[in-house]
Amino acid sequence: MNLLKSLNNYSKQIYNYFFNYNINKLTTFAQDPSKIIRILEHALFHKEYILLTYQNGCTEIGQLIKRTSAGRFVLDSYDSNIIRIIDLNEIFNVETA
């Protein structure tokens, strides 16, 4: 019974670590533009979902579908079901899933 309880607590900790985001913790520091480009290129190549935090504090989840120029990507937004062009200068922080 004690083992089952400890496994249950451990699984809750893992779930909270991976899926309960604290936006204030994620966006404390801005990322370097070169790091943002590397993360976006990796997400584009591997078709990963990303969590974008913009300079104004808004967040958006989506998947990159194309790169249009050196500092612009096309994002298929999961939140609002639209396709939009995002500029590197608008991005504050990027997290991948």
C-alpha atoms as a PDB file:
ATOM      1  CA  MET A   1       0.000   0.000   0.000  1.00  0.00           C
ATOM      2  CA  ASN A   2       2.843   2.373   0.842  1.00  0.00           C
ATOM      3  CA  LEU A   3       4.533   1.601  -2.489  1.00  0.00           C
ATOM      4  CA  LEU A   4       1.326   2.343  -4.370  1.00  0.00           C
ATOM      5  CA  LYS A   5       0.959   5.670  -2.565  1.00  0.00           C
ATOM      6  CA  SER A   6       4.546   6.695  -3.343  1.00  0.00           C
ATOM      7  CA  LEU A   7       4.122   5.733  -7.017  1.00  0.00           C
ATOM      8  CA  ASN A   8       0.933   7.765  -7.169  1.00  0.00           C
ATOM      9  CA  ASN A   9       2.710  10.818  -5.697  1.00  0.00           C
ATOM     10  CA  TYR A  10       5.618  10.351  -8.081  1.00  0.00           C
ATOM     11  CA  SER A  11       3.319  10.177 -11.109  1.00  0.00           C
ATOM     12  CA  LYS A  12       1.544  13.366  -9.959  1.00  0.00           C
ATOM     13  CA  GLN A  13       4.901  15.146  -9.694  1.00  0.00           C
ATOM     14  CA  ILE A  14       5.856  14.043 -13.204  1.00  0.00           C
ATOM     15  CA  TYR A  15       2.510  15.201 -14.580  1.00  0.00           C
ATOM     16  CA  ASN A  16       2.837  18.590 -12.879  1.00  0.00           C
ATOM     17  CA  TYR A  17       6.399  18.972 -14.144  1.00  0.00           C
ATOM     18  CA  PHE A  18       5.471  18.339 -17.782  1.00  0.00           C
ATOM     19  CA  PHE A  19       1.933  19.649 -18.178  1.00  0.00           C
ATOM     20  CA  ASN A  20       1.125  22.334 -15.585  1.00  0.00           C
ATOM     21  CA  TYR A  21       2.855  25.432 -16.925  1.00  0.00           C
ATOM     22  CA  ASN A  22       3.452  28.473 -14.805  1.00  0.00           C
ATOM     23  CA  ILE A  23       3.653  31.185 -17.461  1.00  0.00           C
ATOM     24  CA  ASN A  24       5.486  33.565 -15.104  1.00  0.00           C
ATOM     25  CA  LYS A  25       8.270  31.011 -14.618  1.00  0.00           C
ATOM     26  CA  LEU A  26       8.546  30.248 -18.322  1.00  0.00           C
ATOM     27  CA  THR A  27       8.865  33.853 -19.431  1.00  0.00           C
ATOM     28  CA  THR A  28      11.173  35.369 -16.822  1.00  0.00           C
ATOM     29  CA  PHE A  29      14.069  35.859 -19.246  1.00  0.00           C
ATOM     30  CA  ALA A  30      13.993  36.639 -22.948  1.00  0.00           C
ATOM     31  CA  GLN A  31      15.820  34.201 -25.170  1.00  0.00           C
ATOM     32  CA  ASP A  32      18.608  35.136 -27.523  1.00  0.00           C
ATOM     33  CA  PRO A  33      17.362  35.540 -31.132  1.00  0.00           C
ATOM     34  CA  SER A  34      19.859  32.954 -32.389  1.00  0.00           C
ATOM     35  CA  LYS A  35      18.522  30.431 -29.867  1.00  0.00           C
ATOM     36  CA  ILE A  36      14.942  31.234 -30.899  1.00  0.00           C
ATOM     37  CA  ILE A  37      15.823  30.580 -34.553  1.00  0.00           C
ATOM     38  CA  ARG A  38      17.489  27.256 -33.687  1.00  0.00           C
ATOM     39  CA  ILE A  39      14.462  26.131 -31.683  1.00  0.00           C
ATOM     40  CA  LEU A  40      12.050  27.214 -34.426  1.00  0.00           C
ATOM     41  CA  GLU A  41      14.069  25.468 -37.148  1.00  0.00           C
ATOM     42  CA  HIS A  42      14.216  22.286 -35.069  1.00  0.00           C
ATOM     43  CA  ALA A  43      10.454  22.444 -34.453  1.00  0.00           C
ATOM     44  CA  LEU A  44       9.820  23.031 -38.159  1.00  0.00           C
ATOM     45  CA  PHE A  45      12.002  20.108 -39.224  1.00  0.00           C
ATOM     46  CA  HIS A  46      10.567  17.670 -36.657  1.00  0.00           C
ATOM     47  CA  LYS A  47       6.946  18.937 -36.868  1.00  0.00           C
ATOM     48  CA  GLU A  48       6.846  19.684 -33.130  1.00  0.00           C
ATOM     49  CA  TYR A  49       4.319  21.861 -31.343  1.00  0.00           C
ATOM     50  CA  ILE A  50       5.645  25.041 -29.779  1.00  0.00           C
ATOM     51  CA  LEU A  51       4.523  27.457 -27.094  1.00  0.00           C
ATOM     52  CA  LEU A  52       5.298  31.017 -28.177  1.00  0.00           C
ATOM     53  CA  THR A  53       5.372  33.924 -25.774  1.00  0.00           C
ATOM     54  CA  TYR A  54       5.267  37.283 -27.511  1.00  0.00           C
ATOM     55  CA  GLN A  55       6.800  40.575 -26.380  1.00  0.00           C
ATOM     56  CA  ASN A  56       3.383  41.808 -25.199  1.00  0.00           C
ATOM     57  CA  GLY A  57       2.922  38.781 -22.887  1.00  0.00           C
ATOM     58  CA  CYS A  58       0.422  36.864 -25.031  1.00  0.00           C
ATOM     59  CA  THR A  59       1.015  33.161 -25.576  1.00  0.00           C
ATOM     60  CA  GLU A  60       0.130  30.894 -28.472  1.00  0.00           C
ATOM     61  CA  ILE A  61       0.466  27.179 -29.171  1.00  0.00           C
ATOM     62  CA  GLY A  62       0.934  25.947 -32.705  1.00  0.00           C
ATOM     63  CA  GLN A  63       2.992  24.136 -35.288  1.00  0.00           C
ATOM     64  CA  LEU A  64       5.335  25.701 -37.824  1.00  0.00           C
ATOM     65  CA  ILE A  65       4.548  24.801 -41.418  1.00  0.00           C
ATOM     66  CA  LYS A  66       6.977  26.952 -43.415  1.00  0.00           C
ATOM     67  CA  ARG A  67       9.837  29.441 -43.224  1.00  0.00           C
ATOM     68  CA  THR A  68       9.267  32.465 -45.455  1.00  0.00           C
ATOM     69  CA  SER A  69      12.466  34.457 -44.835  1.00  0.00           C
ATOM     70  CA  ALA A  70      15.381  34.714 -42.432  1.00  0.00           C
ATOM     71  CA  GLY A  71      13.258  36.061 -39.585  1.00  0.00           C
ATOM     72  CA  ARG A  72       9.727  34.922 -40.446  1.00  0.00           C
ATOM     73  CA  PHE A  73       7.867  31.666 -40.052  1.00  0.00           C
ATOM     74  CA  VAL A  74       4.340  30.517 -40.876  1.00  0.00           C
ATOM     75  CA  LEU A  75       2.518  29.215 -37.794  1.00  0.00           C
ATOM     76  CA  ASP A  76      -0.570  27.005 -37.812  1.00  0.00           C
ATOM     77  CA  SER A  77      -2.131  28.217 -34.552  1.00  0.00           C
ATOM     78  CA  TYR A  78      -3.738  25.559 -32.384  1.00  0.00           C
ATOM     79  CA  ASP A  79      -5.424  28.170 -30.147  1.00  0.00           C
ATOM     80  CA  SER A  80      -7.341  30.133 -32.771  1.00  0.00           C
ATOM     81  CA  ASN A  81      -7.340  27.758 -35.792  1.00  0.00           C
ATOM     82  CA  ILE A  82      -5.679  30.261 -38.125  1.00  0.00           C
ATOM     83  CA  ILE A  83      -2.458  30.390 -40.091  1.00  0.00           C
ATOM     84  CA  ARG A  84      -0.312  33.443 -39.395  1.00  0.00           C
ATOM     85  CA  ILE A  85       3.117  34.790 -40.192  1.00  0.00           C
ATOM     86  CA  ILE A  86       5.219  35.374 -37.093  1.00  0.00           C
ATOM     87  CA  ASP A  87       8.214  37.678 -37.017  1.00  0.00           C
ATOM     88  CA  LEU A  88      11.317  36.905 -34.974  1.00  0.00           C
ATOM     89  CA  ASN A  89      11.199  40.393 -33.404  1.00  0.00           C
ATOM     90  CA  GLU A  90       7.752  39.687 -31.898  1.00  0.00           C
ATOM     91  CA  ILE A  91       8.881  36.554 -30.031  1.00  0.00           C
ATOM     92  CA  PHE A  92      10.000  36.767 -26.410  1.00  0.00           C
ATOM     93  CA  ASN A  93      10.358  33.081 -25.560  1.00  0.00           C
ATOM     94  CA  VAL A  94       9.849  29.675 -27.243  1.00  0.00           C
ATOM     95  CA  GLU A  95       9.173  26.301 -25.611  1.00  0.00           C
ATOM     96  CA  THR A  96       8.831  23.024 -27.513  1.00  0.00           C
ATOM     97  CA  ALA A  97       6.670  20.053 -26.653  1.00  0.00           C
END
